[in-house]
C-alpha cells in the first residue's frame, strides 16, 4: 500500500513542481521584458543636457537622469546632431569656398 502511494504521488508532485518552476520563469521573463521596454522610453541619451560623463549625467536634473523618473522630463531638449556624412560634405563645401 505504501509503495503504491509513493509511486503515484511522487511523479505528480515532481510534475507540479516543474510546472510551477517554468511558470515562474515565464512570469519573470515577462516582467523583465516590460521593465526593459519601460527603460527604453528614457530620453536622456537623446537630450541636449546630457553630458555623457558618469559623474554628472545631466546638467539640469542630475538626480533623475537616466532613471524612470526622467521618462516625462519637462526639460527634455532633443539634440540636433547632423549625420557624419552631411558634416563632411558641408566642411568640404566650406573649404572649397575658402579657396575660391
PDB file of N, CA and C in Angstrom:
ATOM      1  N   UNK A   1       0.817  -1.194   0.000  1.00  0.00           N
ATOM      2  CA  UNK A   1       0.000   0.000   0.000  1.00  0.00           C
ATOM      3  C   UNK A   1       0.864   1.262   0.000  1.00  0.00           C
ATOM      4  N   UNK A   2       1.865   1.292   0.810  1.00  0.00           N
ATOM      5  CA  UNK A   2       2.762   2.431   0.908  1.00  0.00           C
ATOM      6  C   UNK A   2       3.518   2.656  -0.398  1.00  0.00           C
ATOM      7  N   UNK A   3       3.906   1.579  -1.036  1.00  0.00           N
ATOM      8  CA  UNK A   3       4.623   1.667  -2.307  1.00  0.00           C
ATOM      9  C   UNK A   3       3.723   2.234  -3.408  1.00  0.00           C
ATOM     10  N   UNK A   4       2.479   1.914  -3.396  1.00  0.00           N
ATOM     11  CA  UNK A   4       1.533   2.410  -4.392  1.00  0.00           C
ATOM     12  C   UNK A   4       1.358   3.929  -4.243  1.00  0.00           C
ATOM     13  N   UNK A   5       1.290   4.412  -3.036  1.00  0.00           N
ATOM     14  CA  UNK A   5       1.139   5.855  -2.786  1.00  0.00           C
ATOM     15  C   UNK A   5       2.380   6.597  -3.265  1.00  0.00           C
ATOM     16  N   UNK A   6       3.547   6.067  -2.955  1.00  0.00           N
ATOM     17  CA  UNK A   6       4.797   6.691  -3.377  1.00  0.00           C
ATOM     18  C   UNK A   6       4.901   6.701  -4.896  1.00  0.00           C
ATOM     19  N   UNK A   7       4.560   5.606  -5.532  1.00  0.00           N
ATOM     20  CA  UNK A   7       4.664   5.518  -6.987  1.00  0.00           C
ATOM     21  C   UNK A   7       3.652   6.413  -7.710  1.00  0.00           C
ATOM     22  N   UNK A   8       2.549   6.735  -7.116  1.00  0.00           N
ATOM     23  CA  UNK A   8       1.552   7.566  -7.791  1.00  0.00           C
ATOM     24  C   UNK A   8       1.634   9.042  -7.397  1.00  0.00           C
ATOM     25  N   UNK A   9       2.032   9.351  -6.166  1.00  0.00           N
ATOM     26  CA  UNK A   9       2.054  10.725  -5.685  1.00  0.00           C
ATOM     27  C   UNK A   9       3.350  11.441  -6.066  1.00  0.00           C
ATOM     28  N   UNK A  10       4.473  10.762  -5.992  1.00  0.00           N
ATOM     29  CA  UNK A  10       5.764  11.400  -6.285  1.00  0.00           C
ATOM     30  C   UNK A  10       5.852  11.950  -7.708  1.00  0.00           C
ATOM     31  N   UNK A  11       5.495  11.210  -8.731  1.00  0.00           N
ATOM     32  CA  UNK A  11       5.560  11.799 -10.079  1.00  0.00           C
ATOM     33  C   UNK A  11       4.632  13.001 -10.249  1.00  0.00           C
ATOM     34  N   UNK A  12       3.471  12.952  -9.621  1.00  0.00           N
ATOM     35  CA  UNK A  12       2.550  14.089  -9.698  1.00  0.00           C
ATOM     36  C   UNK A  12       3.159  15.311  -9.019  1.00  0.00           C
ATOM     37  N   UNK A  13       3.774  15.117  -7.874  1.00  0.00           N
ATOM     38  CA  UNK A  13       4.424  16.228  -7.164  1.00  0.00           C
ATOM     39  C   UNK A  13       5.601  16.783  -7.968  1.00  0.00           C
ATOM     40  N   UNK A  14       6.369  15.911  -8.572  1.00  0.00           N
ATOM     41  CA  UNK A  14       7.512  16.361  -9.383  1.00  0.00           C
ATOM     42  C   UNK A  14       7.029  17.187 -10.570  1.00  0.00           C
ATOM     43  N   UNK A  15       5.988  16.706 -11.270  1.00  0.00           N
ATOM     44  CA  UNK A  15       5.454  17.454 -12.403  1.00  0.00           C
ATOM     45  C   UNK A  15       4.847  18.778 -11.953  1.00  0.00           C
ATOM     46  N   UNK A  16       4.222  18.797 -10.799  1.00  0.00           N
ATOM     47  CA  UNK A  16       3.650  20.029 -10.270  1.00  0.00           C
ATOM     48  C   UNK A  16       4.746  21.052  -9.962  1.00  0.00           C
ATOM     49  N   UNK A  17       5.826  20.601  -9.331  1.00  0.00           N
ATOM     50  CA  UNK A  17       6.941  21.495  -9.010  1.00  0.00           C
ATOM     51  C   UNK A  17       7.590  22.017 -10.291  1.00  0.00           C
ATOM     52  N   UNK A  18       7.797  21.152 -11.264  1.00  0.00           N
ATOM     53  CA  UNK A  18       8.401  21.582 -12.529  1.00  0.00           C
ATOM     54  C   UNK A  18       7.500  22.580 -13.266  1.00  0.00           C
ATOM     55  N   UNK A  19       6.204  22.332 -13.255  1.00  0.00           N
ATOM     56  CA  UNK A  19       5.267  23.249 -13.903  1.00  0.00           C
ATOM     57  C   UNK A  19       5.294  24.611 -13.231  1.00  0.00           C
ATOM     58  N   UNK A  20       5.277  24.621 -11.919  1.00  0.00           N
ATOM     59  CA  UNK A  20       5.335  25.893 -11.197  1.00  0.00           C
ATOM     60  C   UNK A  20       6.654  26.619 -11.448  1.00  0.00           C
ATOM     61  N   UNK A  21       7.752  25.867 -11.531  1.00  0.00           N
ATOM     62  CA  UNK A  21       9.046  26.481 -11.816  1.00  0.00           C
ATOM     63  C   UNK A  21       9.046  27.153 -13.185  1.00  0.00           C
ATOM     64  N   UNK A  22       8.570  26.456 -14.206  1.00  0.00           N
ATOM     65  CA  UNK A  22       8.553  27.032 -15.543  1.00  0.00           C
ATOM     66  C   UNK A  22       7.577  28.193 -15.669  1.00  0.00           C
ATOM     67  N   UNK A  23       6.483  28.148 -14.939  1.00  0.00           N
ATOM     68  CA  UNK A  23       5.563  29.284 -14.924  1.00  0.00           C
ATOM     69  C   UNK A  23       6.196  30.511 -14.265  1.00  0.00           C
ATOM     70  N   UNK A  24       6.952  30.286 -13.197  1.00  0.00           N
ATOM     71  CA  UNK A  24       7.618  31.416 -12.544  1.00  0.00           C
ATOM     72  C   UNK A  24       8.718  31.997 -13.429  1.00  0.00           C
ATOM     73  N   UNK A  25       9.424  31.146 -14.173  1.00  0.00           N
ATOM     74  CA  UNK A  25      10.434  31.639 -15.117  1.00  0.00           C
ATOM     75  C   UNK A  25       9.764  32.457 -16.215  1.00  0.00           C
ATOM     76  N   UNK A  26       8.635  31.988 -16.718  1.00  0.00           N
ATOM     77  CA  UNK A  26       7.900  32.717 -17.753  1.00  0.00           C
ATOM     78  C   UNK A  26       7.424  34.068 -17.237  1.00  0.00           C
ATOM     79  N   UNK A  27       6.913  34.106 -16.020  1.00  0.00           N
ATOM     80  CA  UNK A  27       6.475  35.377 -15.425  1.00  0.00           C
ATOM     81  C   UNK A  27       7.646  36.337 -15.234  1.00  0.00           C
ATOM     82  N   UNK A  28       8.795  35.810 -14.822  1.00  0.00           N
ATOM     83  CA  UNK A  28       9.982  36.649 -14.641  1.00  0.00           C
ATOM     84  C   UNK A  28      10.453  37.219 -15.977  1.00  0.00           C
ATOM     85  N   UNK A  29      10.390  36.426 -17.031  1.00  0.00           N
ATOM     86  CA  UNK A  29      10.780  36.917 -18.355  1.00  0.00           C
ATOM     87  C   UNK A  29       9.825  38.001 -18.845  1.00  0.00           C
ATOM     88  N   UNK A  30       8.540  37.824 -18.599  1.00  0.00           N
ATOM     89  CA  UNK A  30       7.571  38.842 -19.000  1.00  0.00           C
ATOM     90  C   UNK A  30       7.774  40.136 -18.219  1.00  0.00           C
ATOM     91  N   UNK A  31       8.035  40.028 -16.927  1.00  0.00           N
ATOM     92  CA  UNK A  31       8.301  41.215 -16.117  1.00  0.00           C
ATOM     93  C   UNK A  31       9.574  41.918 -16.582  1.00  0.00           C
ATOM     94  N   UNK A  32      10.596  41.143 -16.892  1.00  0.00           N
ATOM     95  CA  UNK A  32      11.852  41.719 -17.384  1.00  0.00           C
ATOM     96  C   UNK A  32      11.667  42.425 -18.711  1.00  0.00           C
ATOM     97  N   UNK A  33      10.878  41.850 -19.612  1.00  0.00           N
ATOM     98  CA  UNK A  33      10.618  42.484 -20.908  1.00  0.00           C
ATOM     99  C   UNK A  33       9.835  43.780 -20.728  1.00  0.00           C
ATOM    100  N   UNK A  34       8.879  43.790 -19.813  1.00  0.00           N
ATOM    101  CA  UNK A  34       8.110  45.010 -19.550  1.00  0.00           C
ATOM    102  C   UNK A  34       9.003  46.094 -18.952  1.00  0.00           C
ATOM    103  N   UNK A  35       9.888  45.720 -18.047  1.00  0.00           N
ATOM    104  CA  UNK A  35      10.815  46.682 -17.441  1.00  0.00           C
ATOM    105  C   UNK A  35      11.782  47.230 -18.489  1.00  0.00           C
ATOM    106  N   UNK A  36      12.273  46.366 -19.347  1.00  0.00           N
ATOM    107  CA  UNK A  36      13.193  46.792 -20.397  1.00  0.00           C
ATOM    108  C   UNK A  36      12.507  47.742 -21.371  1.00  0.00           C
ATOM    109  N   UNK A  37      11.267  47.455 -21.711  1.00  0.00           N
ATOM    110  CA  UNK A  37      10.502  48.324 -22.602  1.00  0.00           C
ATOM    111  C   UNK A  37      10.311  49.694 -21.958  1.00  0.00           C
ATOM    112  N   UNK A  38      10.046  49.705 -20.671  1.00  0.00           N
ATOM    113  CA  UNK A  38       9.861  50.978 -19.954  1.00  0.00           C
ATOM    114  C   UNK A  38      11.167  51.766 -19.902  1.00  0.00           C
ATOM    115  N   UNK A  39      12.290  51.094 -19.685  1.00  0.00           N
ATOM    116  CA  UNK A  39      13.568  51.800 -19.611  1.00  0.00           C
ATOM    117  C   UNK A  39      14.012  52.334 -20.972  1.00  0.00           C
ATOM    118  N   UNK A  40      13.538  51.718 -22.051  1.00  0.00           N
ATOM    119  CA  UNK A  40      13.872  52.230 -23.375  1.00  0.00           C
ATOM    120  C   UNK A  40      13.112  53.514 -23.697  1.00  0.00           C
ATOM    121  N   UNK A  41      12.174  53.903 -22.854  1.00  0.00           N
ATOM    122  CA  UNK A  41      11.449  55.156 -23.035  1.00  0.00           C
ATOM    123  C   UNK A  41      12.189  56.339 -22.415  1.00  0.00           C
ATOM    124  N   UNK A  42      13.266  56.086 -21.681  1.00  0.00           N
ATOM    125  CA  UNK A  42      14.031  57.161 -21.047  1.00  0.00           C
ATOM    126  C   UNK A  42      14.742  57.944 -22.151  1.00  0.00           C
ATOM    127  N   UNK A  43      14.477  59.251 -22.289  1.00  0.00           N
ATOM    128  CA  UNK A  43      15.007  60.020 -23.415  1.00  0.00           C
ATOM    129  C   UNK A  43      16.374  60.656 -23.172  1.00  0.00           C
ATOM    130  N   UNK A  44      17.019  60.355 -22.067  1.00  0.00           N
ATOM    131  CA  UNK A  44      18.228  61.088 -21.679  1.00  0.00           C
ATOM    132  C   UNK A  44      19.369  60.996 -22.697  1.00  0.00           C
ATOM    133  N   UNK A  45      19.522  59.863 -23.361  1.00  0.00           N
ATOM    134  CA  UNK A  45      20.637  59.754 -24.297  1.00  0.00           C
ATOM    135  C   UNK A  45      20.424  60.591 -25.552  1.00  0.00           C
ATOM    136  N   UNK A  46      19.202  61.093 -25.757  1.00  0.00           N
ATOM    137  CA  UNK A  46      18.913  61.950 -26.905  1.00  0.00           C
ATOM    138  C   UNK A  46      18.701  63.408 -26.491  1.00  0.00           C
ATOM    139  N   UNK A  47      19.086  63.757 -25.277  1.00  0.00           N
ATOM    140  CA  UNK A  47      18.843  65.092 -24.733  1.00  0.00           C
ATOM    141  C   UNK A  47      20.081  65.976 -24.869  1.00  0.00           C
ATOM    142  N   UNK A  48      19.854  67.260 -25.104  1.00  0.00           N
ATOM    143  CA  UNK A  48      20.959  68.212 -25.246  1.00  0.00           C
ATOM    144  C   UNK A  48      21.665  68.462 -23.912  1.00  0.00           C
ATOM    145  N   UNK A  49      20.984  68.229 -22.806  1.00  0.00           N
ATOM    146  CA  UNK A  49      21.579  68.492 -21.499  1.00  0.00           C
ATOM    147  C   UNK A  49      22.358  67.301 -20.940  1.00  0.00           C
ATOM    148  N   UNK A  50      22.344  66.188 -21.639  1.00  0.00           N
ATOM    149  CA  UNK A  50      23.109  65.021 -21.207  1.00  0.00           C
ATOM    150  C   UNK A  50      24.587  65.267 -21.476  1.00  0.00           C
ATOM    151  N   UNK A  51      25.423  64.999 -20.480  1.00  0.00           N
ATOM    152  CA  UNK A  51      26.843  65.312 -20.614  1.00  0.00           C
ATOM    153  C   UNK A  51      27.664  64.146 -21.152  1.00  0.00           C
ATOM    154  N   UNK A  52      27.188  62.923 -20.985  1.00  0.00           N
ATOM    155  CA  UNK A  52      27.976  61.772 -21.400  1.00  0.00           C
ATOM    156  C   UNK A  52      29.033  61.394 -20.375  1.00  0.00           C
ATOM    157  N   UNK A  53      29.058  62.064 -19.250  1.00  0.00           N
ATOM    158  CA  UNK A  53      30.021  61.787 -18.182  1.00  0.00           C
ATOM    159  C   UNK A  53      29.277  61.079 -17.046  1.00  0.00           C
ATOM    160  N   UNK A  54      29.871  60.024 -16.491  1.00  0.00           N
ATOM    161  CA  UNK A  54      29.187  59.271 -15.439  1.00  0.00           C
ATOM    162  C   UNK A  54      29.113  60.036 -14.120  1.00  0.00           C
ATOM    163  N   UNK A  55      29.936  61.065 -13.951  1.00  0.00           N
ATOM    164  CA  UNK A  55      29.907  61.828 -12.705  1.00  0.00           C
ATOM    165  C   UNK A  55      28.775  62.847 -12.687  1.00  0.00           C
ATOM    166  N   UNK A  56      28.480  63.462 -13.828  1.00  0.00           N
ATOM    167  CA  UNK A  56      27.370  64.398 -13.952  1.00  0.00           C
ATOM    168  C   UNK A  56      26.631  64.029 -15.236  1.00  0.00           C
ATOM    169  N   UNK A  57      25.575  63.248 -15.087  1.00  0.00           N
ATOM    170  CA  UNK A  57      24.870  62.729 -16.254  1.00  0.00           C
ATOM    171  C   UNK A  57      24.023  63.797 -16.937  1.00  0.00           C
ATOM    172  N   UNK A  58      23.462  64.703 -16.157  1.00  0.00           N
ATOM    173  CA  UNK A  58      22.578  65.739 -16.705  1.00  0.00           C
ATOM    174  C   UNK A  58      22.865  67.042 -15.980  1.00  0.00           C
ATOM    175  N   UNK A  59      22.917  68.131 -16.746  1.00  0.00           N
ATOM    176  CA  UNK A  59      23.218  69.418 -16.121  1.00  0.00           C
ATOM    177  C   UNK A  59      21.990  70.058 -15.483  1.00  0.00           C
ATOM    178  N   UNK A  60      20.787  69.639 -15.871  1.00  0.00           N
ATOM    179  CA  UNK A  60      19.569  70.245 -15.348  1.00  0.00           C
ATOM    180  C   UNK A  60      18.998  69.438 -14.184  1.00  0.00           C
ATOM    181  N   UNK A  61      18.857  68.129 -14.360  1.00  0.00           N
ATOM    182  CA  UNK A  61      18.299  67.248 -13.330  1.00  0.00           C
ATOM    183  C   UNK A  61      19.222  66.046 -13.113  1.00  0.00           C
ATOM    184  N   UNK A  62      20.319  66.231 -12.412  1.00  0.00           N
ATOM    185  CA  UNK A  62      21.294  65.134 -12.263  1.00  0.00           C
ATOM    186  C   UNK A  62      20.790  63.954 -11.438  1.00  0.00           C
ATOM    187  N   UNK A  63      19.877  64.171 -10.507  1.00  0.00           N
ATOM    188  CA  UNK A  63      19.388  63.066  -9.677  1.00  0.00           C
ATOM    189  C   UNK A  63      18.379  62.186 -10.411  1.00  0.00           C
ATOM    190  N   UNK A  64      17.732  62.720 -11.420  1.00  0.00           N
ATOM    191  CA  UNK A  64      16.732  61.964 -12.160  1.00  0.00           C
ATOM    192  C   UNK A  64      17.263  61.410 -13.478  1.00  0.00           C
ATOM    193  N   UNK A  65      18.454  61.780 -13.864  1.00  0.00           N
ATOM    194  CA  UNK A  65      18.986  61.413 -15.178  1.00  0.00           C
ATOM    195  C   UNK A  65      19.117  59.902 -15.329  1.00  0.00           C
ATOM    196  N   UNK A  66      18.717  59.418 -16.488  1.00  0.00           N
ATOM    197  CA  UNK A  66      18.809  58.016 -16.881  1.00  0.00           C
ATOM    198  C   UNK A  66      18.064  57.089 -15.917  1.00  0.00           C
ATOM    199  N   UNK A  67      16.975  57.559 -15.350  1.00  0.00           N
ATOM    200  CA  UNK A  67      16.133  56.731 -14.489  1.00  0.00           C
ATOM    201  C   UNK A  67      14.693  56.802 -15.002  1.00  0.00           C
ATOM    202  N   UNK A  68      13.812  56.028 -14.386  1.00  0.00           N
ATOM    203  CA  UNK A  68      12.412  56.040 -14.801  1.00  0.00           C
ATOM    204  C   UNK A  68      11.753  57.390 -14.527  1.00  0.00           C
ATOM    205  N   UNK A  69      12.296  58.150 -13.600  1.00  0.00           N
ATOM    206  CA  UNK A  69      11.742  59.480 -13.305  1.00  0.00           C
ATOM    207  C   UNK A  69      11.954  60.437 -14.472  1.00  0.00           C
ATOM    208  N   UNK A  70      12.912  60.141 -15.339  1.00  0.00           N
ATOM    209  CA  UNK A  70      13.231  61.034 -16.452  1.00  0.00           C
ATOM    210  C   UNK A  70      12.375  60.768 -17.687  1.00  0.00           C
ATOM    211  N   UNK A  71      11.462  59.811 -17.628  1.00  0.00           N
ATOM    212  CA  UNK A  71      10.664  59.492 -18.811  1.00  0.00           C
ATOM    213  C   UNK A  71       9.814  60.690 -19.237  1.00  0.00           C
ATOM    214  N   UNK A  72       9.240  61.389 -18.307  1.00  0.00           N
ATOM    215  CA  UNK A  72       8.412  62.563 -18.620  1.00  0.00           C
ATOM    216  C   UNK A  72       9.115  63.853 -18.198  1.00  0.00           C
ATOM    217  N   UNK A  73      10.380  63.960 -18.483  1.00  0.00           N
ATOM    218  CA  UNK A  73      11.172  65.129 -18.082  1.00  0.00           C
ATOM    219  C   UNK A  73      10.693  66.365 -18.845  1.00  0.00           C
ATOM    220  N   UNK A  74      10.362  67.414 -18.113  1.00  0.00           N
ATOM    221  CA  UNK A  74       9.866  68.629 -18.764  1.00  0.00           C
ATOM    222  C   UNK A  74      11.002  69.447 -19.370  1.00  0.00           C
ATOM    223  N   UNK A  75      12.240  69.163 -18.997  1.00  0.00           N
ATOM    224  CA  UNK A  75      13.388  69.897 -19.531  1.00  0.00           C
ATOM    225  C   UNK A  75      14.037  69.200 -20.717  1.00  0.00           C
ATOM    226  N   UNK A  76      13.407  68.150 -21.235  1.00  0.00           N
ATOM    227  CA  UNK A  76      13.996  67.416 -22.360  1.00  0.00           C
ATOM    228  C   UNK A  76      14.119  68.317 -23.581  1.00  0.00           C
ATOM    229  N   UNK A  77      15.312  68.373 -24.136  1.00  0.00           N
ATOM    230  CA  UNK A  77      15.591  69.151 -25.338  1.00  0.00           C
ATOM    231  C   UNK A  77      16.331  68.232 -26.311  1.00  0.00           C
ATOM    232  N   UNK A  78      15.695  67.883 -27.430  1.00  0.00           N
ATOM    233  CA  UNK A  78      16.351  66.944 -28.344  1.00  0.00           C
ATOM    234  C   UNK A  78      17.627  67.526 -28.944  1.00  0.00           C
ATOM    235  N   UNK A  79      18.594  66.647 -29.127  1.00  0.00           N
ATOM    236  CA  UNK A  79      19.868  67.040 -29.724  1.00  0.00           C
ATOM    237  C   UNK A  79      19.688  67.067 -31.233  1.00  0.00           C
ATOM    238  N   UNK A  80      20.225  68.083 -31.864  1.00  0.00           N
ATOM    239  CA  UNK A  80      20.166  68.149 -33.321  1.00  0.00           C
ATOM    240  C   UNK A  80      21.566  67.855 -33.866  1.00  0.00           C
ATOM    241  N   UNK A  81      21.903  66.576 -33.890  1.00  0.00           N
ATOM    242  CA  UNK A  81      23.209  66.145 -34.389  1.00  0.00           C
ATOM    243  C   UNK A  81      23.075  65.817 -35.868  1.00  0.00           C
ATOM    244  N   UNK A  82      23.989  66.342 -36.643  1.00  0.00           N
ATOM    245  CA  UNK A  82      23.981  66.036 -38.063  1.00  0.00           C
ATOM    246  C   UNK A  82      24.705  64.718 -38.285  1.00  0.00           C
ATOM    247  N   UNK A  83      24.240  63.924 -39.218  1.00  0.00           N
ATOM    248  CA  UNK A  83      24.973  62.699 -39.538  1.00  0.00           C
ATOM    249  C   UNK A  83      26.377  63.028 -40.040  1.00  0.00           C
ATOM    250  N   UNK A  84      27.293  62.111 -39.854  1.00  0.00           N
ATOM    251  CA  UNK A  84      28.706  62.348 -40.166  1.00  0.00           C
ATOM    252  C   UNK A  84      28.921  62.670 -41.640  1.00  0.00           C
ATOM    253  N   UNK A  85      28.206  62.003 -42.529  1.00  0.00           N
ATOM    254  CA  UNK A  85      28.448  62.254 -43.948  1.00  0.00           C
ATOM    255  C   UNK A  85      27.980  63.647 -44.360  1.00  0.00           C
ATOM    256  N   UNK A  86      26.915  64.172 -43.737  1.00  0.00           N
ATOM    257  CA  UNK A  86      26.483  65.528 -44.043  1.00  0.00           C
ATOM    258  C   UNK A  86      27.485  66.544 -43.521  1.00  0.00           C
ATOM    259  N   UNK A  87      28.038  66.296 -42.363  1.00  0.00           N
ATOM    260  CA  UNK A  87      29.050  67.190 -41.814  1.00  0.00           C
ATOM    261  C   UNK A  87      30.266  67.225 -42.722  1.00  0.00           C
ATOM    262  N   UNK A  88      30.660  66.077 -43.267  1.00  0.00           N
ATOM    263  CA  UNK A  88      31.817  66.005 -44.154  1.00  0.00           C
ATOM    264  C   UNK A  88      31.556  66.773 -45.445  1.00  0.00           C
ATOM    265  N   UNK A  89      30.374  66.623 -46.011  1.00  0.00           N
ATOM    266  CA  UNK A  89      30.031  67.334 -47.246  1.00  0.00           C
ATOM    267  C   UNK A  89      30.030  68.840 -47.014  1.00  0.00           C
ATOM    268  N   UNK A  90      29.457  69.268 -45.896  1.00  0.00           N
ATOM    269  CA  UNK A  90      29.414  70.699 -45.616  1.00  0.00           C
ATOM    270  C   UNK A  90      30.806  71.261 -45.362  1.00  0.00           C
ATOM    271  N   UNK A  91      31.654  70.508 -44.684  1.00  0.00           N
ATOM    272  CA  UNK A  91      33.010  71.007 -44.434  1.00  0.00           C
ATOM    273  C   UNK A  91      33.801  71.098 -45.727  1.00  0.00           C
ATOM    274  N   UNK A  92      33.585  70.169 -46.665  1.00  0.00           N
ATOM    275  CA  UNK A  92      34.265  70.227 -47.945  1.00  0.00           C
ATOM    276  C   UNK A  92      33.780  71.409 -48.760  1.00  0.00           C
ATOM    277  N   UNK A  93      32.497  71.708 -48.690  1.00  0.00           N
ATOM    278  CA  UNK A  93      31.951  72.865 -49.408  1.00  0.00           C
ATOM    279  C   UNK A  93      32.503  74.156 -48.840  1.00  0.00           C
ATOM    280  N   UNK A  94      32.648  74.241 -47.539  1.00  0.00           N
ATOM    281  CA  UNK A  94      33.196  75.436 -46.908  1.00  0.00           C
ATOM    282  C   UNK A  94      34.663  75.595 -47.297  1.00  0.00           C
ATOM    283  N   UNK A  95      35.416  74.497 -47.337  1.00  0.00           N
ATOM    284  CA  UNK A  95      36.839  74.603 -47.689  1.00  0.00           C
ATOM    285  C   UNK A  95      37.001  75.003 -49.158  1.00  0.00           C
ATOM    286  N   UNK A  96      36.105  74.550 -50.024  1.00  0.00           N
ATOM    287  CA  UNK A  96      36.170  74.950 -51.440  1.00  0.00           C
ATOM    288  C   UNK A  96      35.839  76.442 -51.584  1.00  0.00           C
ATOM    289  N   UNK A  97      34.874  76.935 -50.769  1.00  0.00           N
ATOM    290  CA  UNK A  97      34.525  78.343 -50.828  1.00  0.00           C
ATOM    291  C   UNK A  97      35.684  79.202 -50.325  1.00  0.00           C
ATOM    292  N   UNK A  98      36.421  78.718 -49.365  1.00  0.00           N
ATOM    293  CA  UNK A  98      37.547  79.451 -48.826  1.00  0.00           C
ATOM    294  C   UNK A  98      38.691  79.575 -49.830  1.00  0.00           C
ATOM    295  N   UNK A  99      38.849  78.613 -50.706  1.00  0.00           N
ATOM    296  CA  UNK A  99      39.923  78.645 -51.712  1.00  0.00           C
ATOM    297  C   UNK A  99      39.581  79.559 -52.875  1.00  0.00           C
ATOM    298  N   UNK A 100      38.302  79.693 -53.155  1.00  0.00           N
ATOM    299  CA  UNK A 100      37.903  80.477 -54.336  1.00  0.00           C
ATOM    300  C   UNK A 100      38.089  81.948 -54.151  1.00  0.00           C
TER     301      UNK A 100
END
